[in-house]
Amino acid sequence: MKMVTVRDFRSRSAGVWRELARERNLVITSNGKPIGILLSTTEETLEQSLSAARRAQAMQALTETQLEAVRDGRSRMSLEEINKEIAKARRGRRA
């Protein structure tokens, strides 16, 4: 995947747009680390592109949550323990 620095994005944006049209997606980097993704789209496919990106973000968040639960042991909680945690959280919101 093609990388574009924040500096390049600022200083040569017209070239970046041409690259995006050619490459279809670009990774934006800052200090050598990825910070964003540019995806090409059209008026006709904008809603589908946004929907796909949102689904991908939701799947990524779910995967991260599941991995975190495995790391800290929450994945082994019983249904009774889960229900107690839910009740505790609900009580905390009312207070």
PDB file of N, CA and C in Angstrom:
ATOM      1  N   MET A   1       0.853  -1.171   0.000  1.00  0.00           N
ATOM      2  CA  MET A   1       0.000   0.000   0.000  1.00  0.00           C
ATOM      3  C   MET A   1       0.895   1.229   0.000  1.00  0.00           C
ATOM      4  N   LYS A   2       0.515   2.213  -0.751  1.00  0.00           N
ATOM      5  CA  LYS A   2       1.281   3.449  -0.900  1.00  0.00           C
ATOM      6  C   LYS A   2       1.125   4.326   0.332  1.00  0.00           C
ATOM      7  N   MET A   3       2.249   4.872   0.817  1.00  0.00           N
ATOM      8  CA  MET A   3       2.260   5.751   1.981  1.00  0.00           C
ATOM      9  C   MET A   3       2.487   7.196   1.535  1.00  0.00           C
ATOM     10  N   VAL A   4       1.828   8.129   2.222  1.00  0.00           N
ATOM     11  CA  VAL A   4       2.000   9.552   1.969  1.00  0.00           C
ATOM     12  C   VAL A   4       2.179  10.231   3.322  1.00  0.00           C
ATOM     13  N   THR A   5       3.207  11.051   3.447  1.00  0.00           N
ATOM     14  CA  THR A   5       3.424  11.743   4.711  1.00  0.00           C
ATOM     15  C   THR A   5       2.475  12.924   4.841  1.00  0.00           C
ATOM     16  N   VAL A   6       2.252  13.345   6.075  1.00  0.00           N
ATOM     17  CA  VAL A   6       1.425  14.527   6.319  1.00  0.00           C
ATOM     18  C   VAL A   6       2.030  15.728   5.599  1.00  0.00           C
ATOM     19  N   ARG A   7       3.340  15.838   5.639  1.00  0.00           N
ATOM     20  CA  ARG A   7       4.027  16.948   4.962  1.00  0.00           C
ATOM     21  C   ARG A   7       3.731  16.932   3.461  1.00  0.00           C
ATOM     22  N   ASP A   8       3.856  15.758   2.827  1.00  0.00           N
ATOM     23  CA  ASP A   8       3.543  15.659   1.398  1.00  0.00           C
ATOM     24  C   ASP A   8       2.084  15.999   1.137  1.00  0.00           C
ATOM     25  N   PHE A   9       1.228  15.545   2.019  1.00  0.00           N
ATOM     26  CA  PHE A   9      -0.207  15.810   1.868  1.00  0.00           C
ATOM     27  C   PHE A   9      -0.469  17.315   1.860  1.00  0.00           C
ATOM     28  N   ARG A  10       0.218  18.049   2.747  1.00  0.00           N
ATOM     29  CA  ARG A  10       0.053  19.508   2.805  1.00  0.00           C
ATOM     30  C   ARG A  10       0.703  20.200   1.617  1.00  0.00           C
ATOM     31  N   SER A  11       1.920  19.810   1.285  1.00  0.00           N
ATOM     32  CA  SER A  11       2.692  20.559   0.300  1.00  0.00           C
ATOM     33  C   SER A  11       2.387  20.209  -1.147  1.00  0.00           C
ATOM     34  N   ARG A  12       1.918  19.013  -1.379  1.00  0.00           N
ATOM     35  CA  ARG A  12       1.622  18.624  -2.777  1.00  0.00           C
ATOM     36  C   ARG A  12       0.284  17.883  -2.863  1.00  0.00           C
ATOM     37  N   SER A  13      -0.741  18.550  -2.364  1.00  0.00           N
ATOM     38  CA  SER A  13      -2.055  17.907  -2.301  1.00  0.00           C
ATOM     39  C   SER A  13      -2.590  17.505  -3.674  1.00  0.00           C
ATOM     40  N   ALA A  14      -2.353  18.309  -4.704  1.00  0.00           N
ATOM     41  CA  ALA A  14      -2.842  17.943  -6.045  1.00  0.00           C
ATOM     42  C   ALA A  14      -2.235  16.617  -6.489  1.00  0.00           C
ATOM     43  N   GLY A  15      -0.953  16.426  -6.205  1.00  0.00           N
ATOM     44  CA  GLY A  15      -0.303  15.167  -6.553  1.00  0.00           C
ATOM     45  C   GLY A  15      -0.853  14.001  -5.752  1.00  0.00           C
ATOM     46  N   VAL A  16      -1.176  14.262  -4.493  1.00  0.00           N
ATOM     47  CA  VAL A  16      -1.751  13.209  -3.654  1.00  0.00           C
ATOM     48  C   VAL A  16      -3.105  12.788  -4.201  1.00  0.00           C
ATOM     49  N   TRP A  17      -3.918  13.753  -4.632  1.00  0.00           N
ATOM     50  CA  TRP A  17      -5.243  13.405  -5.192  1.00  0.00           C
ATOM     51  C   TRP A  17      -5.081  12.563  -6.446  1.00  0.00           C
ATOM     52  N   ARG A  18      -4.077  12.896  -7.283  1.00  0.00           N
ATOM     53  CA  ARG A  18      -3.844  12.083  -8.491  1.00  0.00           C
ATOM     54  C   ARG A  18      -3.411  10.667  -8.101  1.00  0.00           C
ATOM     55  N   GLU A  19      -2.532  10.588  -7.099  1.00  0.00           N
ATOM     56  CA  GLU A  19      -2.103   9.267  -6.613  1.00  0.00           C
ATOM     57  C   GLU A  19      -3.284   8.464  -6.087  1.00  0.00           C
ATOM     58  N   LEU A  20      -4.169   9.130  -5.347  1.00  0.00           N
ATOM     59  CA  LEU A  20      -5.334   8.451  -4.795  1.00  0.00           C
ATOM     60  C   LEU A  20      -6.200   7.874  -5.908  1.00  0.00           C
ATOM     61  N   ALA A  21      -6.387   8.636  -6.967  1.00  0.00           N
ATOM     62  CA  ALA A  21      -7.181   8.147  -8.099  1.00  0.00           C
ATOM     63  C   ALA A  21      -6.522   6.914  -8.724  1.00  0.00           C
ATOM     64  N   ARG A  22      -5.213   6.927  -8.776  1.00  0.00           N
ATOM     65  CA  ARG A  22      -4.476   5.815  -9.391  1.00  0.00           C
ATOM     66  C   ARG A  22      -4.385   4.607  -8.446  1.00  0.00           C
ATOM     67  N   GLU A  23      -4.077   4.850  -7.174  1.00  0.00           N
ATOM     68  CA  GLU A  23      -3.842   3.769  -6.217  1.00  0.00           C
ATOM     69  C   GLU A  23      -5.119   3.228  -5.574  1.00  0.00           C
ATOM     70  N   ARG A  24      -6.180   4.045  -5.515  1.00  0.00           N
ATOM     71  CA  ARG A  24      -7.485   3.726  -4.921  1.00  0.00           C
ATOM     72  C   ARG A  24      -7.500   3.851  -3.392  1.00  0.00           C
ATOM     73  N   ASN A  25      -6.343   3.747  -2.726  1.00  0.00           N
ATOM     74  CA  ASN A  25      -6.258   4.043  -1.304  1.00  0.00           C
ATOM     75  C   ASN A  25      -4.822   4.380  -0.950  1.00  0.00           C
ATOM     76  N   LEU A  26      -4.664   5.228   0.054  1.00  0.00           N
ATOM     77  CA  LEU A  26      -3.355   5.671   0.511  1.00  0.00           C
ATOM     78  C   LEU A  26      -3.340   5.680   2.035  1.00  0.00           C
ATOM     79  N   VAL A  27      -2.171   5.420   2.599  1.00  0.00           N
ATOM     80  CA  VAL A  27      -1.991   5.512   4.043  1.00  0.00           C
ATOM     81  C   VAL A  27      -1.293   6.835   4.320  1.00  0.00           C
ATOM     82  N   ILE A  28      -1.857   7.635   5.231  1.00  0.00           N
ATOM     83  CA  ILE A  28      -1.250   8.893   5.640  1.00  0.00           C
ATOM     84  C   ILE A  28      -0.390   8.597   6.865  1.00  0.00           C
ATOM     85  N   THR A  29       0.866   9.058   6.848  1.00  0.00           N
ATOM     86  CA  THR A  29       1.763   8.815   7.964  1.00  0.00           C
ATOM     87  C   THR A  29       2.226  10.123   8.593  1.00  0.00           C
ATOM     88  N   SER A  30       2.536  10.043   9.873  1.00  0.00           N
ATOM     89  CA  SER A  30       3.121  11.162  10.608  1.00  0.00           C
ATOM     90  C   SER A  30       4.257  10.595  11.439  1.00  0.00           C
ATOM     91  N   ASN A  31       5.429  11.158  11.266  1.00  0.00           N
ATOM     92  CA  ASN A  31       6.625  10.643  11.961  1.00  0.00           C
ATOM     93  C   ASN A  31       6.824   9.155  11.692  1.00  0.00           C
ATOM     94  N   GLY A  32       6.534   8.736  10.473  1.00  0.00           N
ATOM     95  CA  GLY A  32       6.748   7.356  10.074  1.00  0.00           C
ATOM     96  C   GLY A  32       5.693   6.365  10.532  1.00  0.00           C
ATOM     97  N   LYS A  33       4.651   6.863  11.217  1.00  0.00           N
ATOM     98  CA  LYS A  33       3.611   5.965  11.727  1.00  0.00           C
ATOM     99  C   LYS A  33       2.284   6.246  11.026  1.00  0.00           C
ATOM    100  N   PRO A  34       1.530   5.195  10.705  1.00  0.00           N
ATOM    101  CA  PRO A  34       0.237   5.406  10.041  1.00  0.00           C
ATOM    102  C   PRO A  34      -0.750   6.108  10.965  1.00  0.00           C
ATOM    103  N   ILE A  35      -1.447   7.118  10.424  1.00  0.00           N
ATOM    104  CA  ILE A  35      -2.452   7.832  11.220  1.00  0.00           C
ATOM    105  C   ILE A  35      -3.810   7.876  10.534  1.00  0.00           C
ATOM    106  N   GLY A  36      -3.871   7.501   9.270  1.00  0.00           N
ATOM    107  CA  GLY A  36      -5.147   7.539   8.575  1.00  0.00           C
ATOM    108  C   GLY A  36      -5.071   6.836   7.234  1.00  0.00           C
ATOM    109  N   ILE A  37      -6.237   6.631   6.671  1.00  0.00           N
ATOM    110  CA  ILE A  37      -6.347   5.980   5.365  1.00  0.00           C
ATOM    111  C   ILE A  37      -7.246   6.838   4.490  1.00  0.00           C
ATOM    112  N   LEU A  38      -6.797   7.111   3.291  1.00  0.00           N
ATOM    113  CA  LEU A  38      -7.635   7.789   2.296  1.00  0.00           C
ATOM    114  C   LEU A  38      -8.140   6.739   1.321  1.00  0.00           C
ATOM    115  N   LEU A  39      -9.445   6.711   1.118  1.00  0.00           N
ATOM    116  CA  LEU A  39     -10.055   5.770   0.172  1.00  0.00           C
ATOM    117  C   LEU A  39     -10.724   6.557  -0.933  1.00  0.00           C
ATOM    118  N   SER A  40     -10.536   6.130  -2.150  1.00  0.00           N
ATOM    119  CA  SER A  40     -11.199   6.819  -3.257  1.00  0.00           C
ATOM    120  C   SER A  40     -12.663   6.403  -3.320  1.00  0.00           C
ATOM    121  N   THR A  41     -13.491   7.302  -3.832  1.00  0.00           N
ATOM    122  CA  THR A  41     -14.914   7.024  -3.985  1.00  0.00           C
ATOM    123  C   THR A  41     -15.469   7.918  -5.085  1.00  0.00           C
ATOM    124  N   THR A  42     -16.723   7.740  -5.390  1.00  0.00           N
ATOM    125  CA  THR A  42     -17.416   8.597  -6.354  1.00  0.00           C
ATOM    126  C   THR A  42     -18.751   9.001  -5.746  1.00  0.00           C
ATOM    127  N   GLU A  43     -19.433   9.919  -6.388  1.00  0.00           N
ATOM    128  CA  GLU A  43     -20.772  10.293  -5.908  1.00  0.00           C
ATOM    129  C   GLU A  43     -21.680   9.073  -5.851  1.00  0.00           C
ATOM    130  N   GLU A  44     -21.544   8.202  -6.837  1.00  0.00           N
ATOM    131  CA  GLU A  44     -22.419   7.039  -6.931  1.00  0.00           C
ATOM    132  C   GLU A  44     -22.131   6.006  -5.844  1.00  0.00           C
ATOM    133  N   THR A  45     -20.887   5.920  -5.394  1.00  0.00           N
ATOM    134  CA  THR A  45     -20.525   4.877  -4.432  1.00  0.00           C
ATOM    135  C   THR A  45     -20.235   5.417  -3.035  1.00  0.00           C
ATOM    136  N   LEU A  46     -20.448   6.702  -2.802  1.00  0.00           N
ATOM    137  CA  LEU A  46     -20.104   7.312  -1.513  1.00  0.00           C
ATOM    138  C   LEU A  46     -20.780   6.615  -0.339  1.00  0.00           C
ATOM    139  N   GLU A  47     -22.089   6.428  -0.407  1.00  0.00           N
ATOM    140  CA  GLU A  47     -22.806   5.811   0.715  1.00  0.00           C
ATOM    141  C   GLU A  47     -22.329   4.387   0.969  1.00  0.00           C
ATOM    142  N   GLN A  48     -22.094   3.617  -0.085  1.00  0.00           N
ATOM    143  CA  GLN A  48     -21.606   2.251   0.085  1.00  0.00           C
ATOM    144  C   GLN A  48     -20.191   2.257   0.666  1.00  0.00           C
ATOM    145  N   SER A  49     -19.358   3.206   0.222  1.00  0.00           N
ATOM    146  CA  SER A  49     -17.993   3.301   0.734  1.00  0.00           C
ATOM    147  C   SER A  49     -17.994   3.651   2.213  1.00  0.00           C
ATOM    148  N   LEU A  50     -18.814   4.613   2.612  1.00  0.00           N
ATOM    149  CA  LEU A  50     -18.913   4.996   4.020  1.00  0.00           C
ATOM    150  C   LEU A  50     -19.425   3.833   4.864  1.00  0.00           C
ATOM    151  N   SER A  51     -20.421   3.143   4.359  1.00  0.00           N
ATOM    152  CA  SER A  51     -20.979   2.004   5.077  1.00  0.00           C
ATOM    153  C   SER A  51     -19.925   0.911   5.268  1.00  0.00           C
ATOM    154  N   ALA A  52     -19.162   0.632   4.229  1.00  0.00           N
ATOM    155  CA  ALA A  52     -18.118  -0.390   4.320  1.00  0.00           C
ATOM    156  C   ALA A  52     -17.035   0.027   5.309  1.00  0.00           C
ATOM    157  N   ALA A  53     -16.647   1.295   5.286  1.00  0.00           N
ATOM    158  CA  ALA A  53     -15.625   1.786   6.210  1.00  0.00           C
ATOM    159  C   ALA A  53     -16.122   1.696   7.656  1.00  0.00           C
ATOM    160  N   ARG A  54     -17.381   2.057   7.871  1.00  0.00           N
ATOM    161  CA  ARG A  54     -17.947   1.977   9.229  1.00  0.00           C
ATOM    162  C   ARG A  54     -18.029   0.541   9.717  1.00  0.00           C
ATOM    163  N   ARG A  55     -18.398  -0.381   8.825  1.00  0.00           N
ATOM    164  CA  ARG A  55     -18.430  -1.800   9.208  1.00  0.00           C
ATOM    165  C   ARG A  55     -17.036  -2.289   9.575  1.00  0.00           C
ATOM    166  N   ALA A  56     -16.047  -1.880   8.799  1.00  0.00           N
ATOM    167  CA  ALA A  56     -14.668  -2.289   9.081  1.00  0.00           C
ATOM    168  C   ALA A  56     -14.214  -1.735  10.421  1.00  0.00           C
ATOM    169  N   GLN A  57     -14.555  -0.485  10.730  1.00  0.00           N
ATOM    170  CA  GLN A  57     -14.189   0.098  12.022  1.00  0.00           C
ATOM    171  C   GLN A  57     -14.886  -0.637  13.169  1.00  0.00           C
ATOM    172  N   ALA A  58     -16.145  -0.979  12.980  1.00  0.00           N
ATOM    173  CA  ALA A  58     -16.886  -1.694  14.021  1.00  0.00           C
ATOM    174  C   ALA A  58     -16.276  -3.077  14.253  1.00  0.00           C
ATOM    175  N   MET A  59     -15.920  -3.771  13.191  1.00  0.00           N
ATOM    176  CA  MET A  59     -15.301  -5.093  13.322  1.00  0.00           C
ATOM    177  C   MET A  59     -13.948  -4.986  14.025  1.00  0.00           C
ATOM    178  N   GLN A  60     -13.185  -3.952  13.699  1.00  0.00           N
ATOM    179  CA  GLN A  60     -11.897  -3.744  14.336  1.00  0.00           C
ATOM    180  C   GLN A  60     -12.084  -3.480  15.834  1.00  0.00           C
ATOM    181  N   ALA A  61     -13.051  -2.652  16.190  1.00  0.00           N
ATOM    182  CA  ALA A  61     -13.325  -2.361  17.606  1.00  0.00           C
ATOM    183  C   ALA A  61     -13.755  -3.624  18.339  1.00  0.00           C
ATOM    184  N   LEU A  62     -14.600  -4.430  17.709  1.00  0.00           N
ATOM    185  CA  LEU A  62     -15.045  -5.679  18.327  1.00  0.00           C
ATOM    186  C   LEU A  62     -13.872  -6.626  18.562  1.00  0.00           C
ATOM    187  N   THR A  63     -13.024  -6.773  17.575  1.00  0.00           N
ATOM    188  CA  THR A  63     -11.859  -7.646  17.705  1.00  0.00           C
ATOM    189  C   THR A  63     -10.942  -7.167  18.824  1.00  0.00           C
ATOM    190  N   GLU A  64     -10.706  -5.853  18.891  1.00  0.00           N
ATOM    191  CA  GLU A  64      -9.851  -5.308  19.952  1.00  0.00           C
ATOM    192  C   GLU A  64     -10.471  -5.557  21.328  1.00  0.00           C
ATOM    193  N   THR A  65     -11.781  -5.395  21.434  1.00  0.00           N
ATOM    194  CA  THR A  65     -12.472  -5.633  22.704  1.00  0.00           C
ATOM    195  C   THR A  65     -12.367  -7.096  23.113  1.00  0.00           C
ATOM    196  N   GLN A  66     -12.537  -7.993  22.152  1.00  0.00           N
ATOM    197  CA  GLN A  66     -12.433  -9.422  22.441  1.00  0.00           C
ATOM    198  C   GLN A  66     -11.020  -9.797  22.889  1.00  0.00           C
ATOM    199  N   LEU A  67     -10.010  -9.271  22.218  1.00  0.00           N
ATOM    200  CA  LEU A  67      -8.631  -9.571  22.599  1.00  0.00           C
ATOM    201  C   LEU A  67      -8.314  -9.029  23.990  1.00  0.00           C
ATOM    202  N   GLU A  68      -8.808  -7.841  24.296  1.00  0.00           N
ATOM    203  CA  GLU A  68      -8.614  -7.256  25.619  1.00  0.00           C
ATOM    204  C   GLU A  68      -9.287  -8.116  26.694  1.00  0.00           C
ATOM    205  N   ALA A  69     -10.475  -8.622  26.400  1.00  0.00           N
ATOM    206  CA  ALA A  69     -11.193  -9.472  27.353  1.00  0.00           C
ATOM    207  C   ALA A  69     -10.425 -10.766  27.610  1.00  0.00           C
ATOM    208  N   VAL A  70      -9.812 -11.306  26.583  1.00  0.00           N
ATOM    209  CA  VAL A  70      -9.015 -12.527  26.755  1.00  0.00           C
ATOM    210  C   VAL A  70      -7.769 -12.215  27.592  1.00  0.00           C
ATOM    211  N   ARG A  71      -7.115 -11.096  27.307  1.00  0.00           N
ATOM    212  CA  ARG A  71      -5.890 -10.725  28.034  1.00  0.00           C
ATOM    213  C   ARG A  71      -6.145 -10.519  29.523  1.00  0.00           C
ATOM    214  N   ASP A  72      -7.255  -9.841  29.861  1.00  0.00           N
ATOM    215  CA  ASP A  72      -7.468  -9.539  31.287  1.00  0.00           C
ATOM    216  C   ASP A  72      -8.404 -10.531  31.987  1.00  0.00           C
ATOM    217  N   GLY A  73      -8.795 -11.601  31.307  1.00  0.00           N
ATOM    218  CA  GLY A  73      -9.563 -12.653  31.947  1.00  0.00           C
ATOM    219  C   GLY A  73     -11.070 -12.487  31.916  1.00  0.00           C
ATOM    220  N   ARG A  74     -11.567 -11.381  31.383  1.00  0.00           N
ATOM    221  CA  ARG A  74     -13.022 -11.193  31.349  1.00  0.00           C
ATOM    222  C   ARG A  74     -13.718 -12.199  30.441  1.00  0.00           C
ATOM    223  N   SER A  75     -12.991 -12.809  29.550  1.00  0.00           N
ATOM    224  CA  SER A  75     -13.613 -13.781  28.636  1.00  0.00           C
ATOM    225  C   SER A  75     -14.042 -15.049  29.364  1.00  0.00           C
ATOM    226  N   ARG A  76     -13.540 -15.225  30.591  1.00  0.00           N
ATOM    227  CA  ARG A  76     -13.887 -16.419  31.366  1.00  0.00           C
ATOM    228  C   ARG A  76     -14.965 -16.151  32.411  1.00  0.00           C
ATOM    229  N   MET A  77     -15.579 -14.979  32.364  1.00  0.00           N
ATOM    230  CA  MET A  77     -16.612 -14.646  33.346  1.00  0.00           C
ATOM    231  C   MET A  77     -17.863 -15.499  33.127  1.00  0.00           C
ATOM    232  N   SER A  78     -18.505 -15.860  34.228  1.00  0.00           N
ATOM    233  CA  SER A  78     -19.764 -16.610  34.130  1.00  0.00           C
ATOM    234  C   SER A  78     -20.894 -15.629  33.815  1.00  0.00           C
ATOM    235  N   LEU A  79     -22.039 -16.173  33.406  1.00  0.00           N
ATOM    236  CA  LEU A  79     -23.197 -15.328  33.123  1.00  0.00           C
ATOM    237  C   LEU A  79     -23.613 -14.556  34.373  1.00  0.00           C
ATOM    238  N   GLU A  80     -23.515 -15.191  35.513  1.00  0.00           N
ATOM    239  CA  GLU A  80     -23.868 -14.522  36.773  1.00  0.00           C
ATOM    240  C   GLU A  80     -22.935 -13.330  37.032  1.00  0.00           C
ATOM    241  N   GLU A  81     -21.647 -13.510  36.802  1.00  0.00           N
ATOM    242  CA  GLU A  81     -20.688 -12.411  36.986  1.00  0.00           C
ATOM    243  C   GLU A  81     -20.952 -11.270  36.003  1.00  0.00           C
ATOM    244  N   ILE A  82     -21.285 -11.619  34.786  1.00  0.00           N
ATOM    245  CA  ILE A  82     -21.592 -10.609  33.767  1.00  0.00           C
ATOM    246  C   ILE A  82     -22.812  -9.804  34.186  1.00  0.00           C
ATOM    247  N   ASN A  83     -23.856 -10.495  34.636  1.00  0.00           N
ATOM    248  CA  ASN A  83     -25.072  -9.796  35.059  1.00  0.00           C
ATOM    249  C   ASN A  83     -24.822  -8.886  36.255  1.00  0.00           C
ATOM    250  N   LYS A  84     -23.952  -9.304  37.179  1.00  0.00           N
ATOM    251  CA  LYS A  84     -23.603  -8.453  38.318  1.00  0.00           C
ATOM    252  C   LYS A  84     -22.888  -7.186  37.841  1.00  0.00           C
ATOM    253  N   GLU A  85     -21.993  -7.330  36.888  1.00  0.00           N
ATOM    254  CA  GLU A  85     -21.274  -6.169  36.350  1.00  0.00           C
ATOM    255  C   GLU A  85     -22.229  -5.207  35.648  1.00  0.00           C
ATOM    256  N   ILE A  86     -23.189  -5.752  34.908  1.00  0.00           N
ATOM    257  CA  ILE A  86     -24.181  -4.913  34.226  1.00  0.00           C
ATOM    258  C   ILE A  86     -25.010  -4.154  35.257  1.00  0.00           C
ATOM    259  N   ALA A  87     -25.482  -4.841  36.273  1.00  0.00           N
ATOM    260  CA  ALA A  87     -26.279  -4.193  37.319  1.00  0.00           C
ATOM    261  C   ALA A  87     -25.481  -3.099  38.018  1.00  0.00           C
ATOM    262  N   LYS A  88     -24.223  -3.364  38.297  1.00  0.00           N
ATOM    263  CA  LYS A  88     -23.350  -2.374  38.952  1.00  0.00           C
ATOM    264  C   LYS A  88     -23.183  -1.133  38.060  1.00  0.00           C
ATOM    265  N   ALA A  89     -22.977  -1.333  36.783  1.00  0.00           N
ATOM    266  CA  ALA A  89     -22.820  -0.211  35.857  1.00  0.00           C
ATOM    267  C   ALA A  89     -24.099   0.611  35.767  1.00  0.00           C
ATOM    268  N   ARG A  90     -25.231  -0.059  35.732  1.00  0.00           N
ATOM    269  CA  ARG A  90     -26.514   0.641  35.674  1.00  0.00           C
ATOM    270  C   ARG A  90     -26.763   1.453  36.939  1.00  0.00           C
ATOM    271  N   ARG A  91     -26.432   0.892  38.076  1.00  0.00           N
ATOM    272  CA  ARG A  91     -26.570   1.635  39.336  1.00  0.00           C
ATOM    273  C   ARG A  91     -25.687   2.874  39.331  1.00  0.00           C
ATOM    274  N   GLY A  92     -24.496   2.727  38.810  1.00  0.00           N
ATOM    275  CA  GLY A  92     -23.555   3.846  38.749  1.00  0.00           C
ATOM    276  C   GLY A  92     -24.042   4.973  37.865  1.00  0.00           C
ATOM    277  N   ARG A  93     -24.774   4.674  36.816  1.00  0.00           N
ATOM    278  CA  ARG A  93     -25.324   5.696  35.921  1.00  0.00           C
ATOM    279  C   ARG A  93     -26.455   6.470  36.566  1.00  0.00           C
ATOM    280  N   ARG A  94     -27.212   5.820  37.439  1.00  0.00           N
ATOM    281  CA  ARG A  94     -28.356   6.474  38.081  1.00  0.00           C
ATOM    282  C   ARG A  94     -27.896   7.458  39.158  1.00  0.00           C
ATOM    283  N   ALA A  95     -26.765   7.173  39.736  1.00  0.00           N
ATOM    284  CA  ALA A  95     -26.283   7.991  40.865  1.00  0.00           C
ATOM    285  C   ALA A  95     -25.760   9.345  40.421  1.00  0.00           C
TER     286      ALA A  95
END
